[in-house]
Amino acid sequence: MTLKRLNGMWIGAALLFIFSLSGCVAQNLYSINMYYDADKAAPPAYLKTDVKTSDAVISVAEFTDTRQIDDKLVIGRVVEKNDMKALVFPKNIKTTKVVSNGIKQYLRKAGYKVADKIEQWDMKEDTIPQGAGKVLIGGHIEDLEITCRRGFPSNSYRANIKLSVVIADVAKGKILYEGKVASSHSQEYFWFSEEHLGDQASFVLGDAIEQLFEDKVLAQKLKEAIAQ
């Protein structure tokens, strides 16, 4: 075997090792799309608006992330088959805006007029932004965790979310409602993919939003505020 051929084999082996290592490194993180699609939502009759209140505008503020973690971009973890943990991040939109956009979609499905602009608000009564619509809805993300433990023959998925929500009368400068809602979901699934991780996150987000607006007290406060 010539020296030139031997050197070529060593170079090939080194490149193969580097590519293999790069593949391992790439699995140290995953990114997912988390969203809520209100097309199939069925808002309860007691929440839906009528002709008299249809012109009142509701604004939604960007939710704040109050989870007690160092990096609030992290929304979950994947435990690989070798027990190494890979982090999960949102792919395109910050989670705080994903929650707000989901609430906007649901309210529009219920027949309300919702402002396109997402407001900034710290959920305090003395800082309610003026001109933000007749009613303002904001809140906190208190818990959000999407996990998957990879295994054979199936993978174990689990997702949790907990939101606190605040509704304010902008004109009066008063908080009308404060509440909390939580959802969790677990599933054994044969395939593993970022898409399926995103499906778990989207499921609990949608469930939490729908639970929130099933609260008759919230519905009453909301309709009273926009009717005044």
C-alpha atoms as a PDB file:
ATOM      1  CA  MET A   1       0.000   0.000   0.000  1.00  0.00           C
ATOM      2  CA  THR A   2       1.409   3.350  -1.010  1.00  0.00           C
ATOM      3  CA  LEU A   3       1.943   6.194   1.441  1.00  0.00           C
ATOM      4  CA  LYS A   4      -0.416   8.393  -0.589  1.00  0.00           C
ATOM      5  CA  ARG A   5      -3.223   5.828  -0.359  1.00  0.00           C
ATOM      6  CA  LEU A   6      -2.622   5.304   3.353  1.00  0.00           C
ATOM      7  CA  ASN A   7      -2.808   9.050   4.006  1.00  0.00           C
ATOM      8  CA  GLY A   8      -6.062   9.184   2.037  1.00  0.00           C
ATOM      9  CA  MET A   9      -7.573   6.459   4.213  1.00  0.00           C
ATOM     10  CA  TRP A  10      -6.582   8.288   7.399  1.00  0.00           C
ATOM     11  CA  ILE A  11      -8.082  11.532   6.112  1.00  0.00           C
ATOM     12  CA  GLY A  12     -11.321   9.736   5.175  1.00  0.00           C
ATOM     13  CA  ALA A  13     -11.537   8.135   8.603  1.00  0.00           C
ATOM     14  CA  ALA A  14     -10.949  11.498  10.291  1.00  0.00           C
ATOM     15  CA  LEU A  15     -13.671  13.175   8.219  1.00  0.00           C
ATOM     16  CA  LEU A  16     -16.097  10.350   9.019  1.00  0.00           C
ATOM     17  CA  PHE A  17     -15.375  10.819  12.728  1.00  0.00           C
ATOM     18  CA  ILE A  18     -15.945  14.590  12.480  1.00  0.00           C
ATOM     19  CA  PHE A  19     -19.252  14.149  10.621  1.00  0.00           C
ATOM     20  CA  SER A  20     -20.394  11.566  13.160  1.00  0.00           C
ATOM     21  CA  LEU A  21     -19.479  13.892  15.989  1.00  0.00           C
ATOM     22  CA  SER A  22     -21.326  16.753  14.307  1.00  0.00           C
ATOM     23  CA  GLY A  23     -24.401  14.575  14.084  1.00  0.00           C
ATOM     24  CA  CYS A  24     -24.260  13.957  17.824  1.00  0.00           C
ATOM     25  CA  VAL A  25     -23.801  17.616  18.584  1.00  0.00           C
ATOM     26  CA  ALA A  26     -26.773  18.515  16.385  1.00  0.00           C
ATOM     27  CA  GLN A  27     -28.964  16.385  18.638  1.00  0.00           C
ATOM     28  CA  ASN A  28     -28.139  18.517  21.679  1.00  0.00           C
ATOM     29  CA  LEU A  29     -31.109  20.731  20.815  1.00  0.00           C
ATOM     30  CA  TYR A  30     -34.457  20.591  19.069  1.00  0.00           C
ATOM     31  CA  SER A  31     -36.739  23.381  17.868  1.00  0.00           C
ATOM     32  CA  ILE A  32     -40.503  23.063  17.575  1.00  0.00           C
ATOM     33  CA  ASN A  33     -43.501  24.969  16.273  1.00  0.00           C
ATOM     34  CA  MET A  34     -46.021  25.608  19.041  1.00  0.00           C
ATOM     35  CA  TYR A  35     -49.309  27.206  18.002  1.00  0.00           C
ATOM     36  CA  TYR A  36     -53.063  27.227  18.537  1.00  0.00           C
ATOM     37  CA  ASP A  37     -55.486  26.858  15.638  1.00  0.00           C
ATOM     38  CA  ALA A  38     -58.976  28.062  16.585  1.00  0.00           C
ATOM     39  CA  ASP A  39     -60.657  26.777  13.413  1.00  0.00           C
ATOM     40  CA  LYS A  40     -62.122  23.755  15.203  1.00  0.00           C
ATOM     41  CA  ALA A  41     -62.801  25.545  18.487  1.00  0.00           C
ATOM     42  CA  ALA A  42     -66.385  25.650  19.782  1.00  0.00           C
ATOM     43  CA  PRO A  43     -66.700  28.647  22.135  1.00  0.00           C
ATOM     44  CA  PRO A  44     -69.608  28.222  24.582  1.00  0.00           C
ATOM     45  CA  ALA A  45     -72.805  30.139  23.838  1.00  0.00           C
ATOM     46  CA  TYR A  46     -72.511  32.204  27.034  1.00  0.00           C
ATOM     47  CA  LEU A  47     -69.177  33.618  25.827  1.00  0.00           C
ATOM     48  CA  LYS A  48     -70.195  34.596  22.317  1.00  0.00           C
ATOM     49  CA  THR A  49     -70.896  38.251  21.654  1.00  0.00           C
ATOM     50  CA  ASP A  50     -73.975  39.788  20.083  1.00  0.00           C
ATOM     51  CA  VAL A  51     -74.607  42.634  17.648  1.00  0.00           C
ATOM     52  CA  LYS A  52     -74.694  45.319  20.369  1.00  0.00           C
ATOM     53  CA  THR A  53     -71.167  44.590  21.563  1.00  0.00           C
ATOM     54  CA  SER A  54     -69.560  43.567  18.285  1.00  0.00           C
ATOM     55  CA  ASP A  55     -67.811  46.924  17.773  1.00  0.00           C
ATOM     56  CA  ALA A  56     -65.981  46.865  21.122  1.00  0.00           C
ATOM     57  CA  VAL A  57     -62.271  46.131  20.683  1.00  0.00           C
ATOM     58  CA  ILE A  58     -60.344  43.709  22.899  1.00  0.00           C
ATOM     59  CA  SER A  59     -56.560  43.955  23.081  1.00  0.00           C
ATOM     60  CA  VAL A  60     -54.227  41.173  24.167  1.00  0.00           C
ATOM     61  CA  ALA A  61     -50.885  41.805  25.854  1.00  0.00           C
ATOM     62  CA  GLU A  62     -47.793  39.677  25.387  1.00  0.00           C
ATOM     63  CA  PHE A  63     -47.636  37.152  28.201  1.00  0.00           C
ATOM     64  CA  THR A  64     -44.657  37.281  30.540  1.00  0.00           C
ATOM     65  CA  ASP A  65     -42.621  34.193  31.355  1.00  0.00           C
ATOM     66  CA  THR A  66     -42.355  33.816  35.144  1.00  0.00           C
ATOM     67  CA  ARG A  67     -40.945  30.277  35.174  1.00  0.00           C
ATOM     68  CA  GLN A  68     -38.111  29.826  37.658  1.00  0.00           C
ATOM     69  CA  ILE A  69     -35.481  28.728  35.134  1.00  0.00           C
ATOM     70  CA  ASP A  70     -32.191  30.230  33.960  1.00  0.00           C
ATOM     71  CA  ASP A  71     -32.884  30.250  30.219  1.00  0.00           C
ATOM     72  CA  LYS A  72     -36.508  31.090  29.465  1.00  0.00           C
ATOM     73  CA  LEU A  73     -36.078  30.233  25.801  1.00  0.00           C
ATOM     74  CA  VAL A  74     -35.940  26.580  26.841  1.00  0.00           C
ATOM     75  CA  ILE A  75     -39.379  24.969  26.789  1.00  0.00           C
ATOM     76  CA  GLY A  76     -38.476  21.327  27.267  1.00  0.00           C
ATOM     77  CA  ARG A  77     -36.036  18.455  27.083  1.00  0.00           C
ATOM     78  CA  VAL A  78     -35.546  15.231  25.193  1.00  0.00           C
ATOM     79  CA  VAL A  79     -33.928  12.382  27.085  1.00  0.00           C
ATOM     80  CA  GLU A  80     -32.042  10.416  24.464  1.00  0.00           C
ATOM     81  CA  LYS A  81     -31.601   6.647  24.548  1.00  0.00           C
ATOM     82  CA  ASN A  82     -28.129   7.102  26.056  1.00  0.00           C
ATOM     83  CA  ASP A  83     -29.708   9.254  28.840  1.00  0.00           C
ATOM     84  CA  MET A  84     -28.169  12.452  27.446  1.00  0.00           C
ATOM     85  CA  LYS A  85     -30.545  15.413  27.629  1.00  0.00           C
ATOM     86  CA  ALA A  86     -31.202  17.690  24.660  1.00  0.00           C
ATOM     87  CA  LEU A  87     -32.909  21.066  25.043  1.00  0.00           C
ATOM     88  CA  VAL A  88     -36.111  22.054  23.231  1.00  0.00           C
ATOM     89  CA  PHE A  89     -36.648  25.625  21.972  1.00  0.00           C
ATOM     90  CA  PRO A  90     -39.458  27.401  20.090  1.00  0.00           C
ATOM     91  CA  LYS A  91     -38.686  27.543  16.367  1.00  0.00           C
ATOM     92  CA  ASN A  92     -40.073  30.795  14.972  1.00  0.00           C
ATOM     93  CA  ILE A  93     -42.038  32.765  17.576  1.00  0.00           C
ATOM     94  CA  LYS A  94     -41.381  33.456  21.254  1.00  0.00           C
ATOM     95  CA  THR A  95     -43.609  31.378  23.508  1.00  0.00           C
ATOM     96  CA  THR A  96     -44.914  34.522  25.212  1.00  0.00           C
ATOM     97  CA  LYS A  97     -46.314  35.692  21.878  1.00  0.00           C
ATOM     98  CA  VAL A  98     -47.586  32.239  20.923  1.00  0.00           C
ATOM     99  CA  VAL A  99     -49.887  32.247  23.970  1.00  0.00           C
ATOM    100  CA  SER A 100     -51.140  35.760  23.207  1.00  0.00           C
ATOM    101  CA  ASN A 101     -51.777  34.915  19.551  1.00  0.00           C
ATOM    102  CA  GLY A 102     -53.735  31.827  20.605  1.00  0.00           C
ATOM    103  CA  ILE A 103     -56.011  33.905  22.837  1.00  0.00           C
ATOM    104  CA  LYS A 104     -56.551  36.401  20.008  1.00  0.00           C
ATOM    105  CA  GLN A 105     -57.585  33.593  17.658  1.00  0.00           C
ATOM    106  CA  TYR A 106     -60.015  32.122  20.165  1.00  0.00           C
ATOM    107  CA  LEU A 107     -61.700  35.463  20.874  1.00  0.00           C
ATOM    108  CA  ARG A 108     -62.120  36.116  17.160  1.00  0.00           C
ATOM    109  CA  LYS A 109     -63.711  32.694  16.768  1.00  0.00           C
ATOM    110  CA  ALA A 110     -66.134  33.693  19.552  1.00  0.00           C
ATOM    111  CA  GLY A 111     -67.119  36.750  17.503  1.00  0.00           C
ATOM    112  CA  TYR A 112     -65.149  39.509  19.236  1.00  0.00           C
ATOM    113  CA  LYS A 113     -63.250  42.277  17.503  1.00  0.00           C
ATOM    114  CA  VAL A 114     -59.615  41.890  18.542  1.00  0.00           C
ATOM    115  CA  ALA A 115     -56.793  44.350  17.897  1.00  0.00           C
ATOM    116  CA  ASP A 116     -53.922  43.081  15.744  1.00  0.00           C
ATOM    117  CA  LYS A 117     -51.269  44.776  17.872  1.00  0.00           C
ATOM    118  CA  ILE A 118     -49.945  42.863  20.876  1.00  0.00           C
ATOM    119  CA  GLU A 119     -49.625  45.231  23.830  1.00  0.00           C
ATOM    120  CA  GLN A 120     -46.942  45.316  26.530  1.00  0.00           C
ATOM    121  CA  TRP A 121     -48.286  45.184  30.095  1.00  0.00           C
ATOM    122  CA  ASP A 122     -46.979  43.980  33.461  1.00  0.00           C
ATOM    123  CA  MET A 123     -50.491  43.042  34.697  1.00  0.00           C
ATOM    124  CA  LYS A 124     -50.605  45.837  37.277  1.00  0.00           C
ATOM    125  CA  GLU A 125     -53.633  48.076  37.595  1.00  0.00           C
ATOM    126  CA  ASP A 126     -51.680  51.337  37.621  1.00  0.00           C
ATOM    127  CA  THR A 127     -49.860  50.518  34.361  1.00  0.00           C
ATOM    128  CA  ILE A 128     -52.795  49.562  32.133  1.00  0.00           C
ATOM    129  CA  PRO A 129     -51.869  51.022  28.711  1.00  0.00           C
ATOM    130  CA  GLN A 130     -54.415  53.567  27.505  1.00  0.00           C
ATOM    131  CA  GLY A 131     -55.837  53.381  24.010  1.00  0.00           C
ATOM    132  CA  ALA A 132     -55.312  49.646  23.937  1.00  0.00           C
ATOM    133  CA  GLY A 133     -58.947  48.785  23.284  1.00  0.00           C
ATOM    134  CA  LYS A 134     -61.920  48.649  25.631  1.00  0.00           C
ATOM    135  CA  VAL A 135     -60.706  45.529  27.387  1.00  0.00           C
ATOM    136  CA  LEU A 136     -57.146  44.258  27.823  1.00  0.00           C
ATOM    137  CA  ILE A 137     -56.154  40.647  28.471  1.00  0.00           C
ATOM    138  CA  GLY A 138     -52.692  39.639  29.673  1.00  0.00           C
ATOM    139  CA  GLY A 139     -51.048  37.087  31.893  1.00  0.00           C
ATOM    140  CA  HIS A 140     -48.073  34.989  32.941  1.00  0.00           C
ATOM    141  CA  ILE A 141     -46.647  31.656  31.853  1.00  0.00           C
ATOM    142  CA  GLU A 142     -46.065  29.977  35.212  1.00  0.00           C
ATOM    143  CA  ASP A 143     -45.183  26.545  33.869  1.00  0.00           C
ATOM    144  CA  LEU A 144     -44.355  25.122  30.455  1.00  0.00           C
ATOM    145  CA  GLU A 145     -42.457  21.902  29.895  1.00  0.00           C
ATOM    146  CA  ILE A 146     -42.459  19.576  26.896  1.00  0.00           C
ATOM    147  CA  THR A 147     -40.497  16.375  27.457  1.00  0.00           C
ATOM    148  CA  CYS A 148     -39.825  13.185  25.579  1.00  0.00           C
ATOM    149  CA  ARG A 149     -37.997  10.113  26.831  1.00  0.00           C
ATOM    150  CA  ARG A 150     -36.811   8.197  23.806  1.00  0.00           C
ATOM    151  CA  GLY A 151     -36.965   4.450  24.032  1.00  0.00           C
ATOM    152  CA  PHE A 152     -37.843   1.228  22.277  1.00  0.00           C
ATOM    153  CA  PRO A 153     -40.347   0.319  20.951  1.00  0.00           C
ATOM    154  CA  SER A 154     -42.026   3.667  21.773  1.00  0.00           C
ATOM    155  CA  ASN A 155     -41.214   7.171  22.978  1.00  0.00           C
ATOM    156  CA  SER A 156     -42.857   8.735  26.050  1.00  0.00           C
ATOM    157  CA  TYR A 157     -44.104  12.279  25.489  1.00  0.00           C
ATOM    158  CA  ARG A 158     -45.430  14.627  28.159  1.00  0.00           C
ATOM    159  CA  ALA A 159     -46.430  18.301  28.104  1.00  0.00           C
ATOM    160  CA  ASN A 160     -47.538  20.671  30.882  1.00  0.00           C
ATOM    161  CA  ILE A 161     -48.658  24.284  30.893  1.00  0.00           C
ATOM    162  CA  LYS A 162     -49.961  26.644  33.568  1.00  0.00           C
ATOM    163  CA  LEU A 163     -51.139  30.171  32.860  1.00  0.00           C
ATOM    164  CA  SER A 164     -52.353  33.004  35.044  1.00  0.00           C
ATOM    165  CA  VAL A 165     -54.651  35.454  33.261  1.00  0.00           C
ATOM    166  CA  VAL A 166     -55.665  39.043  34.035  1.00  0.00           C
ATOM    167  CA  ILE A 167     -58.482  41.006  32.374  1.00  0.00           C
ATOM    168  CA  ALA A 168     -58.700  44.789  32.731  1.00  0.00           C
ATOM    169  CA  ASP A 169     -61.216  47.496  31.856  1.00  0.00           C
ATOM    170  CA  VAL A 170     -59.015  50.010  30.037  1.00  0.00           C
ATOM    171  CA  ALA A 171     -61.404  52.963  30.299  1.00  0.00           C
ATOM    172  CA  LYS A 172     -61.909  52.551  34.058  1.00  0.00           C
ATOM    173  CA  GLY A 173     -58.323  51.524  34.712  1.00  0.00           C
ATOM    174  CA  LYS A 174     -59.457  48.551  36.796  1.00  0.00           C
ATOM    175  CA  ILE A 175     -58.674  44.849  36.849  1.00  0.00           C
ATOM    176  CA  LEU A 176     -61.882  42.867  36.370  1.00  0.00           C
ATOM    177  CA  TYR A 177     -60.712  39.272  36.595  1.00  0.00           C
ATOM    178  CA  GLU A 178     -57.740  37.176  37.681  1.00  0.00           C
ATOM    179  CA  GLY A 179     -57.559  33.440  37.242  1.00  0.00           C
ATOM    180  CA  LYS A 180     -55.364  30.434  36.536  1.00  0.00           C
ATOM    181  CA  VAL A 181     -55.626  27.525  34.168  1.00  0.00           C
ATOM    182  CA  ALA A 182     -53.494  24.418  33.647  1.00  0.00           C
ATOM    183  CA  SER A 183     -53.317  21.503  31.243  1.00  0.00           C
ATOM    184  CA  SER A 184     -51.201  18.375  30.899  1.00  0.00           C
ATOM    185  CA  HIS A 185     -51.000  15.612  28.331  1.00  0.00           C
ATOM    186  CA  SER A 186     -48.986  12.417  27.967  1.00  0.00           C
ATOM    187  CA  GLN A 187     -48.666   9.952  25.115  1.00  0.00           C
ATOM    188  CA  GLU A 188     -46.694   6.914  24.020  1.00  0.00           C
ATOM    189  CA  TYR A 189     -45.815   7.187  20.358  1.00  0.00           C
ATOM    190  CA  PHE A 190     -43.765   4.951  18.082  1.00  0.00           C
ATOM    191  CA  TRP A 191     -42.075   7.689  16.037  1.00  0.00           C
ATOM    192  CA  PHE A 192     -39.919  10.494  17.329  1.00  0.00           C
ATOM    193  CA  SER A 193     -39.865  13.878  15.618  1.00  0.00           C
ATOM    194  CA  GLU A 194     -39.733  17.583  16.345  1.00  0.00           C
ATOM    195  CA  GLU A 195     -43.155  17.854  14.721  1.00  0.00           C
ATOM    196  CA  HIS A 196     -44.657  15.495  17.276  1.00  0.00           C
ATOM    197  CA  LEU A 197     -42.999  17.403  20.102  1.00  0.00           C
ATOM    198  CA  GLY A 198     -44.677  20.525  18.728  1.00  0.00           C
ATOM    199  CA  ASP A 199     -48.019  18.722  18.573  1.00  0.00           C
ATOM    200  CA  GLN A 200     -47.836  17.982  22.298  1.00  0.00           C
ATOM    201  CA  ALA A 201     -47.072  21.621  23.115  1.00  0.00           C
ATOM    202  CA  SER A 202     -49.866  22.850  20.854  1.00  0.00           C
ATOM    203  CA  PHE A 203     -52.350  20.438  22.418  1.00  0.00           C
ATOM    204  CA  VAL A 204     -51.863  21.679  25.991  1.00  0.00           C
ATOM    205  CA  LEU A 205     -51.830  25.315  24.859  1.00  0.00           C
ATOM    206  CA  GLY A 206     -55.155  24.886  23.058  1.00  0.00           C
ATOM    207  CA  ASP A 207     -56.673  22.986  25.959  1.00  0.00           C
ATOM    208  CA  ALA A 208     -55.627  25.674  28.448  1.00  0.00           C
ATOM    209  CA  ILE A 209     -57.045  28.499  26.291  1.00  0.00           C
ATOM    210  CA  GLU A 210     -60.352  26.707  25.817  1.00  0.00           C
ATOM    211  CA  GLN A 211     -60.599  25.887  29.538  1.00  0.00           C
ATOM    212  CA  LEU A 212     -59.955  29.531  30.359  1.00  0.00           C
ATOM    213  CA  PHE A 213     -62.897  30.836  28.364  1.00  0.00           C
ATOM    214  CA  GLU A 214     -65.225  28.120  29.640  1.00  0.00           C
ATOM    215  CA  ASP A 215     -65.182  29.953  32.989  1.00  0.00           C
ATOM    216  CA  LYS A 216     -68.626  31.567  33.249  1.00  0.00           C
ATOM    217  CA  VAL A 217     -67.335  34.238  35.644  1.00  0.00           C
ATOM    218  CA  LEU A 218     -64.726  35.314  33.087  1.00  0.00           C
ATOM    219  CA  ALA A 219     -67.304  35.301  30.302  1.00  0.00           C
ATOM    220  CA  GLN A 220     -69.682  37.469  32.330  1.00  0.00           C
ATOM    221  CA  LYS A 221     -66.978  39.994  33.278  1.00  0.00           C
ATOM    222  CA  LEU A 222     -65.776  40.216  29.690  1.00  0.00           C
ATOM    223  CA  LYS A 223     -69.230  40.746  28.194  1.00  0.00           C
ATOM    224  CA  GLU A 224     -70.204  43.296  30.861  1.00  0.00           C
ATOM    225  CA  ALA A 225     -67.043  45.323  30.214  1.00  0.00           C
ATOM    226  CA  ILE A 226     -67.455  45.546  26.460  1.00  0.00           C
ATOM    227  CA  ALA A 227     -71.178  46.285  26.729  1.00  0.00           C
ATOM    228  CA  GLN A 228     -70.694  49.433  28.834  1.00  0.00           C
END
